[in-house]
Every structure is written in C-alpha cells, then in structure tokens.
Amino acid sequence: MALPDTDLNRRERKAQRTRREIVRAACELVLEEGYERATIARIAERADLATRTVTTRFASKEAIFFDGLNEALARVEQALERPDGDVVDRLRGWIAEMSQLPALKEDDAELRALRSRAIDHDPELRALFGQHFDRAHDAIARAVAATSGLAPGSAGPQMIAAATVVMLRVVERLAAEDDEQASVELERGFEVLRGALTAL
C-alpha cells in the first residue's frame, strides 16, 4: 500500500535531518582531530546514531564530504559537450542547473560553511577535493580545445581550464559564507574567462 504524502514527506524530512547530522558530526571531528581520526564509528557516535545508519546513508567516509560532487561533475561534462554558446555560456547554464537541484536547496548555508571549513582545514581532504576537480579541469580543457582548434594539452586550453577550476573552488568556498559575494566573484571570473577565450 502506498504511503500518504504526509507520511512520505515526514520520512523524507527525517532522512534529510539524519544526513545533515552525519555531515555535521563528520565535519566537527575533522576540525577537532583531522580526517584520518574521523572514522565512521566515531562519526556515528558523535551523531548519536548506529554505525549502520551512517553506512546506509553514505557509501564511504569520503562520500560524507563530497556527496553530490560526482553528479555535479558529470553534469558539467555534459554541459560542456553541448553545441550551444561558448564555454562560458555552457558553464553558466551548468551553474544555473545545479542551483535548482533539490539536494542543494535542502543543504543549509551553515552546514555548507562547516563542510567548507573542514575541507580547507585538512590536507587529506583538500587533496581529495582537488582530485575530484581534476575531472572538471579535463572537461574544460577539452571544450576549450574543441572551440579553438587547439590541442587539449596545449597551453591555452590548459591555462583556461586551470583558471576556471580555481574560480569554481573560490566561488564554492565563498558561497558557503555569502551567496551574494560568491555571485559577484563568479561574474568577475566569467568576464576574465571570456577575455581569455577571445585571446586564443
């Protein structure tokens, strides 16, 4: 028998609260003791949950910090392969699309800021974050190469890809604290990128 909407909504809200408590506990432990010592068992204890509850919600400890990032990267790859507009237009479209995802809308600003601080605080987490963004770098370099006629590994596409990734990481950190300032920096970044594309 199907659950009434109210029961389903209640369960969804409870699941969302549980996920947020897990992320909060994990981030607090990283800030206090580092990523290595923030084991699944200790995260569960900190969140006052069973270990199985944590592993049911997240496939790995890494996923607690980067949940949704793989989906975001897959979407940017798809966006950059579209024929419409230039690379900046496609990145704008991707960001607009990502901002409408339910998971991002449900993720409160305080928790985003806490997660951002935890990642910045720990060298291992920073390295993992960088590895994820290598995928975006490669996709951007390919897109720039396709529109400029240059090889993806040549200086122009590589420099623009590197600058774009830095911009996205800066904006991501700013967005955790101040959405308005992040939007301003994003626009500035896009102006620089468009100028660089024109110069190729």
C-alpha atoms as a PDB file:
ATOM      1  CA  MET A   1       0.000   0.000   0.000  1.00  0.00           C
ATOM      2  CA  ALA A   2       1.354   3.445  -0.928  1.00  0.00           C
ATOM      3  CA  LEU A   3       2.167   5.796   1.911  1.00  0.00           C
ATOM      4  CA  PRO A   4       0.138   9.001   2.218  1.00  0.00           C
ATOM      5  CA  ASP A   5       2.037  12.097   1.136  1.00  0.00           C
ATOM      6  CA  THR A   6       2.285  13.318   4.709  1.00  0.00           C
ATOM      7  CA  ASP A   7       3.944  10.070   5.846  1.00  0.00           C
ATOM      8  CA  LEU A   8       6.317  10.127   2.881  1.00  0.00           C
ATOM      9  CA  ASN A   9       7.227  13.747   3.494  1.00  0.00           C
ATOM     10  CA  ARG A  10       7.810  13.001   7.167  1.00  0.00           C
ATOM     11  CA  ARG A  11      10.151  10.149   6.285  1.00  0.00           C
ATOM     12  CA  GLU A  12      11.992  12.263   3.731  1.00  0.00           C
ATOM     13  CA  ARG A  13      12.454  15.071   6.238  1.00  0.00           C
ATOM     14  CA  LYS A  14      13.728  12.621   8.838  1.00  0.00           C
ATOM     15  CA  ALA A  15      16.178  11.136   6.324  1.00  0.00           C
ATOM     16  CA  GLN A  16      17.407  14.630   5.412  1.00  0.00           C
ATOM     17  CA  ARG A  17      17.882  15.520   9.083  1.00  0.00           C
ATOM     18  CA  THR A  18      19.831  12.311   9.635  1.00  0.00           C
ATOM     19  CA  ARG A  19      22.120  13.019   6.682  1.00  0.00           C
ATOM     20  CA  ARG A  20      22.739  16.551   7.940  1.00  0.00           C
ATOM     21  CA  GLU A  21      23.590  15.301  11.423  1.00  0.00           C
ATOM     22  CA  ILE A  22      26.082  12.832   9.947  1.00  0.00           C
ATOM     23  CA  VAL A  23      27.749  15.553   7.863  1.00  0.00           C
ATOM     24  CA  ARG A  24      27.833  17.901  10.850  1.00  0.00           C
ATOM     25  CA  ALA A  25      29.405  15.258  13.103  1.00  0.00           C
ATOM     26  CA  ALA A  26      31.996  14.346  10.478  1.00  0.00           C
ATOM     27  CA  CYS A  27      32.982  17.965   9.874  1.00  0.00           C
ATOM     28  CA  GLU A  28      33.262  18.740  13.576  1.00  0.00           C
ATOM     29  CA  LEU A  29      35.517  15.712  14.101  1.00  0.00           C
ATOM     30  CA  VAL A  30      37.755  16.713  11.196  1.00  0.00           C
ATOM     31  CA  LEU A  31      38.113  20.231  12.583  1.00  0.00           C
ATOM     32  CA  GLU A  32      38.962  18.844  16.017  1.00  0.00           C
ATOM     33  CA  GLU A  33      41.137  15.834  15.167  1.00  0.00           C
ATOM     34  CA  GLY A  34      41.651  15.522  11.410  1.00  0.00           C
ATOM     35  CA  TYR A  35      40.173  13.399   8.635  1.00  0.00           C
ATOM     36  CA  GLU A  36      42.153  10.255   9.447  1.00  0.00           C
ATOM     37  CA  ARG A  37      40.829  10.045  13.013  1.00  0.00           C
ATOM     38  CA  ALA A  38      37.251  10.796  11.969  1.00  0.00           C
ATOM     39  CA  THR A  39      36.294   7.164  11.456  1.00  0.00           C
ATOM     40  CA  ILE A  40      32.797   6.027  10.524  1.00  0.00           C
ATOM     41  CA  ALA A  41      32.368   4.594  14.021  1.00  0.00           C
ATOM     42  CA  ARG A  42      33.360   7.871  15.681  1.00  0.00           C
ATOM     43  CA  ILE A  43      31.179   9.893  13.324  1.00  0.00           C
ATOM     44  CA  ALA A  44      28.229   7.661  14.216  1.00  0.00           C
ATOM     45  CA  GLU A  45      28.951   8.047  17.920  1.00  0.00           C
ATOM     46  CA  ARG A  46      29.217  11.826  17.587  1.00  0.00           C
ATOM     47  CA  ALA A  47      25.889  11.963  15.719  1.00  0.00           C
ATOM     48  CA  ASP A  48      24.293   9.592  18.267  1.00  0.00           C
ATOM     49  CA  LEU A  49      23.482   7.095  15.512  1.00  0.00           C
ATOM     50  CA  ALA A  50      24.214   3.461  14.796  1.00  0.00           C
ATOM     51  CA  THR A  51      27.226   2.840  12.551  1.00  0.00           C
ATOM     52  CA  ARG A  52      24.907   1.020  10.152  1.00  0.00           C
ATOM     53  CA  THR A  53      22.790   4.172   9.823  1.00  0.00           C
ATOM     54  CA  VAL A  54      25.839   6.097   8.612  1.00  0.00           C
ATOM     55  CA  THR A  55      26.923   3.403   6.138  1.00  0.00           C
ATOM     56  CA  THR A  56      23.362   3.118   4.827  1.00  0.00           C
ATOM     57  CA  ARG A  57      23.255   6.851   4.061  1.00  0.00           C
ATOM     58  CA  PHE A  58      26.821   7.150   2.715  1.00  0.00           C
ATOM     59  CA  ALA A  59      28.838   4.584   0.770  1.00  0.00           C
ATOM     60  CA  SER A  60      32.128   5.737   2.302  1.00  0.00           C
ATOM     61  CA  LYS A  61      33.627   8.287   4.663  1.00  0.00           C
ATOM     62  CA  GLU A  62      34.762  10.327   1.655  1.00  0.00           C
ATOM     63  CA  ALA A  63      31.175  10.443   0.383  1.00  0.00           C
ATOM     64  CA  ILE A  64      30.088  12.261   3.556  1.00  0.00           C
ATOM     65  CA  PHE A  65      32.145  15.264   2.461  1.00  0.00           C
ATOM     66  CA  PHE A  66      31.729  15.005  -1.306  1.00  0.00           C
ATOM     67  CA  ASP A  67      28.210  13.643  -1.659  1.00  0.00           C
ATOM     68  CA  GLY A  68      26.727  15.014  -4.845  1.00  0.00           C
ATOM     69  CA  LEU A  69      30.040  16.203  -6.267  1.00  0.00           C
ATOM     70  CA  ASN A  70      30.339  13.328  -8.730  1.00  0.00           C
ATOM     71  CA  GLU A  71      26.859  14.136 -10.033  1.00  0.00           C
ATOM     72  CA  ALA A  72      27.826  17.791 -10.368  1.00  0.00           C
ATOM     73  CA  LEU A  73      30.967  16.864 -12.301  1.00  0.00           C
ATOM     74  CA  ALA A  74      29.043  14.524 -14.592  1.00  0.00           C
ATOM     75  CA  ARG A  75      26.624  17.362 -15.303  1.00  0.00           C
ATOM     76  CA  VAL A  76      29.401  19.837 -16.112  1.00  0.00           C
ATOM     77  CA  GLU A  77      30.902  17.334 -18.548  1.00  0.00           C
ATOM     78  CA  GLN A  78      27.533  17.026 -20.263  1.00  0.00           C
ATOM     79  CA  ALA A  79      27.027  20.800 -20.292  1.00  0.00           C
ATOM     80  CA  LEU A  80      30.430  21.417 -21.861  1.00  0.00           C
ATOM     81  CA  GLU A  81      29.686  18.971 -24.669  1.00  0.00           C
ATOM     82  CA  ARG A  82      26.569  20.885 -25.745  1.00  0.00           C
ATOM     83  CA  PRO A  83      26.848  22.764 -29.040  1.00  0.00           C
ATOM     84  CA  ASP A  84      25.131  25.956 -27.882  1.00  0.00           C
ATOM     85  CA  GLY A  85      27.134  29.045 -26.914  1.00  0.00           C
ATOM     86  CA  ASP A  86      30.771  29.181 -25.885  1.00  0.00           C
ATOM     87  CA  VAL A  87      32.436  27.564 -22.882  1.00  0.00           C
ATOM     88  CA  VAL A  88      31.395  30.410 -20.566  1.00  0.00           C
ATOM     89  CA  ASP A  89      27.761  30.144 -21.690  1.00  0.00           C
ATOM     90  CA  ARG A  90      27.801  26.405 -21.022  1.00  0.00           C
ATOM     91  CA  LEU A  91      29.333  26.874 -17.576  1.00  0.00           C
ATOM     92  CA  ARG A  92      26.680  29.474 -16.763  1.00  0.00           C
ATOM     93  CA  GLY A  93      23.988  27.014 -17.823  1.00  0.00           C
ATOM     94  CA  TRP A  94      25.512  24.294 -15.666  1.00  0.00           C
ATOM     95  CA  ILE A  95      25.645  26.534 -12.580  1.00  0.00           C
ATOM     96  CA  ALA A  96      22.032  27.609 -13.100  1.00  0.00           C
ATOM     97  CA  GLU A  97      21.029  23.963 -13.441  1.00  0.00           C
ATOM     98  CA  MET A  98      22.940  22.921 -10.316  1.00  0.00           C
ATOM     99  CA  SER A  99      21.361  25.685  -8.228  1.00  0.00           C
ATOM    100  CA  GLN A 100      17.939  24.148  -8.869  1.00  0.00           C
ATOM    101  CA  LEU A 101      18.832  20.650  -7.661  1.00  0.00           C
ATOM    102  CA  PRO A 102      16.737  19.645  -4.616  1.00  0.00           C
ATOM    103  CA  ALA A 103      19.816  18.374  -2.770  1.00  0.00           C
ATOM    104  CA  LEU A 104      21.454  21.796  -2.965  1.00  0.00           C
ATOM    105  CA  LYS A 105      18.303  23.632  -1.974  1.00  0.00           C
ATOM    106  CA  GLU A 106      17.970  21.436   1.115  1.00  0.00           C
ATOM    107  CA  ASP A 107      21.604  21.916   2.132  1.00  0.00           C
ATOM    108  CA  ASP A 108      21.562  24.802   4.606  1.00  0.00           C
ATOM    109  CA  ALA A 109      24.168  27.556   4.476  1.00  0.00           C
ATOM    110  CA  GLU A 110      25.533  26.842   7.960  1.00  0.00           C
ATOM    111  CA  LEU A 111      26.257  23.230   7.057  1.00  0.00           C
ATOM    112  CA  ARG A 112      27.855  24.206   3.727  1.00  0.00           C
ATOM    113  CA  ALA A 113      30.127  26.601   5.593  1.00  0.00           C
ATOM    114  CA  LEU A 114      31.063  23.929   8.131  1.00  0.00           C
ATOM    115  CA  ARG A 115      31.867  21.412   5.381  1.00  0.00           C
ATOM    116  CA  SER A 116      33.926  24.011   3.514  1.00  0.00           C
ATOM    117  CA  ARG A 117      35.937  24.797   6.670  1.00  0.00           C
ATOM    118  CA  ALA A 118      36.566  21.098   7.295  1.00  0.00           C
ATOM    119  CA  ILE A 119      37.854  20.565   3.751  1.00  0.00           C
ATOM    120  CA  ASP A 120      40.096  23.644   3.933  1.00  0.00           C
ATOM    121  CA  HIS A 121      41.365  22.579   7.363  1.00  0.00           C
ATOM    122  CA  ASP A 122      42.601  19.091   6.483  1.00  0.00           C
ATOM    123  CA  PRO A 123      45.381  18.392   3.911  1.00  0.00           C
ATOM    124  CA  GLU A 124      43.997  14.962   3.001  1.00  0.00           C
ATOM    125  CA  LEU A 125      40.513  16.328   2.371  1.00  0.00           C
ATOM    126  CA  ARG A 126      41.943  19.211   0.342  1.00  0.00           C
ATOM    127  CA  ALA A 127      43.841  16.707  -1.802  1.00  0.00           C
ATOM    128  CA  LEU A 128      40.707  14.603  -2.332  1.00  0.00           C
ATOM    129  CA  PHE A 129      38.776  17.732  -3.263  1.00  0.00           C
ATOM    130  CA  GLY A 130      41.455  18.602  -5.802  1.00  0.00           C
ATOM    131  CA  GLN A 131      41.332  15.115  -7.311  1.00  0.00           C
ATOM    132  CA  HIS A 132      37.602  15.481  -7.888  1.00  0.00           C
ATOM    133  CA  PHE A 133      38.154  18.811  -9.629  1.00  0.00           C
ATOM    134  CA  ASP A 134      40.810  17.308 -11.926  1.00  0.00           C
ATOM    135  CA  ARG A 135      37.863  15.806 -13.778  1.00  0.00           C
ATOM    136  CA  ALA A 136      36.362  19.263 -14.316  1.00  0.00           C
ATOM    137  CA  HIS A 137      39.752  20.575 -15.454  1.00  0.00           C
ATOM    138  CA  ASP A 138      39.996  17.905 -18.160  1.00  0.00           C
ATOM    139  CA  ALA A 139      36.424  18.529 -19.362  1.00  0.00           C
ATOM    140  CA  ILE A 140      37.011  22.284 -19.606  1.00  0.00           C
ATOM    141  CA  ALA A 141      40.310  21.833 -21.470  1.00  0.00           C
ATOM    142  CA  ARG A 142      38.594  19.547 -23.989  1.00  0.00           C
ATOM    143  CA  ALA A 143      35.762  22.036 -24.507  1.00  0.00           C
ATOM    144  CA  VAL A 144      38.152  24.966 -24.989  1.00  0.00           C
ATOM    145  CA  ALA A 145      40.219  22.897 -27.415  1.00  0.00           C
ATOM    146  CA  ALA A 146      37.143  21.935 -29.415  1.00  0.00           C
ATOM    147  CA  THR A 147      36.097  25.564 -29.898  1.00  0.00           C
ATOM    148  CA  SER A 148      39.586  26.973 -30.506  1.00  0.00           C
ATOM    149  CA  GLY A 149      41.086  24.286 -32.715  1.00  0.00           C
ATOM    150  CA  LEU A 150      43.989  23.822 -30.290  1.00  0.00           C
ATOM    151  CA  ALA A 151      45.051  20.541 -28.724  1.00  0.00           C
ATOM    152  CA  PRO A 152      43.560  19.888 -25.240  1.00  0.00           C
ATOM    153  CA  GLY A 153      47.045  19.548 -23.789  1.00  0.00           C
ATOM    154  CA  SER A 154      48.330  22.810 -25.237  1.00  0.00           C
ATOM    155  CA  ALA A 155      48.973  25.879 -23.113  1.00  0.00           C
ATOM    156  CA  GLY A 156      45.808  27.848 -23.906  1.00  0.00           C
ATOM    157  CA  PRO A 157      43.189  25.213 -23.025  1.00  0.00           C
ATOM    158  CA  GLN A 158      45.197  24.062 -20.002  1.00  0.00           C
ATOM    159  CA  MET A 159      45.589  27.588 -18.618  1.00  0.00           C
ATOM    160  CA  ILE A 160      41.913  28.419 -19.090  1.00  0.00           C
ATOM    161  CA  ALA A 161      40.890  25.104 -17.507  1.00  0.00           C
ATOM    162  CA  ALA A 162      43.171  25.716 -14.515  1.00  0.00           C
ATOM    163  CA  ALA A 163      41.858  29.261 -14.044  1.00  0.00           C
ATOM    164  CA  THR A 164      38.254  28.067 -14.294  1.00  0.00           C
ATOM    165  CA  VAL A 165      38.767  25.364 -11.677  1.00  0.00           C
ATOM    166  CA  VAL A 166      40.365  27.878  -9.302  1.00  0.00           C
ATOM    167  CA  MET A 167      37.430  30.234  -9.875  1.00  0.00           C
ATOM    168  CA  LEU A 168      34.902  27.477  -9.174  1.00  0.00           C
ATOM    169  CA  ARG A 169      36.686  26.456  -5.976  1.00  0.00           C
ATOM    170  CA  VAL A 170      36.897  30.054  -4.740  1.00  0.00           C
ATOM    171  CA  VAL A 171      33.222  30.652  -5.529  1.00  0.00           C
ATOM    172  CA  GLU A 172      32.259  27.373  -3.824  1.00  0.00           C
ATOM    173  CA  ARG A 173      34.025  28.476  -0.641  1.00  0.00           C
ATOM    174  CA  LEU A 174      32.501  31.954  -0.787  1.00  0.00           C
ATOM    175  CA  ALA A 175      29.017  30.558  -1.394  1.00  0.00           C
ATOM    176  CA  ALA A 176      29.254  28.688   1.899  1.00  0.00           C
ATOM    177  CA  GLU A 177      29.549  32.052   3.673  1.00  0.00           C
ATOM    178  CA  ASP A 178      27.988  34.692   1.421  1.00  0.00           C
ATOM    179  CA  ASP A 179      25.931  33.835  -1.675  1.00  0.00           C
ATOM    180  CA  GLU A 180      25.837  37.459  -2.839  1.00  0.00           C
ATOM    181  CA  GLN A 181      29.616  37.855  -2.751  1.00  0.00           C
ATOM    182  CA  ALA A 182      30.003  34.497  -4.484  1.00  0.00           C
ATOM    183  CA  SER A 183      27.752  35.713  -7.316  1.00  0.00           C
ATOM    184  CA  VAL A 184      29.832  38.879  -7.719  1.00  0.00           C
ATOM    185  CA  GLU A 185      33.071  36.894  -7.891  1.00  0.00           C
ATOM    186  CA  LEU A 186      31.518  34.433 -10.318  1.00  0.00           C
ATOM    187  CA  GLU A 187      30.598  37.249 -12.709  1.00  0.00           C
ATOM    188  CA  ARG A 188      34.098  38.701 -12.470  1.00  0.00           C
ATOM    189  CA  GLY A 189      35.552  35.286 -13.137  1.00  0.00           C
ATOM    190  CA  PHE A 190      33.375  34.766 -16.185  1.00  0.00           C
ATOM    191  CA  GLU A 191      34.473  38.146 -17.605  1.00  0.00           C
ATOM    192  CA  VAL A 192      38.124  37.120 -17.243  1.00  0.00           C
ATOM    193  CA  LEU A 193      37.471  33.723 -18.813  1.00  0.00           C
ATOM    194  CA  ARG A 194      35.623  35.217 -21.752  1.00  0.00           C
ATOM    195  CA  GLY A 195      38.540  37.576 -22.351  1.00  0.00           C
ATOM    196  CA  ALA A 196      40.972  34.669 -22.230  1.00  0.00           C
ATOM    197  CA  LEU A 197      38.870  32.678 -24.702  1.00  0.00           C
ATOM    198  CA  THR A 198      38.800  35.642 -27.080  1.00  0.00           C
ATOM    199  CA  ALA A 199      42.588  35.925 -26.870  1.00  0.00           C
ATOM    200  CA  LEU A 200      43.202  32.337 -28.015  1.00  0.00           C
END
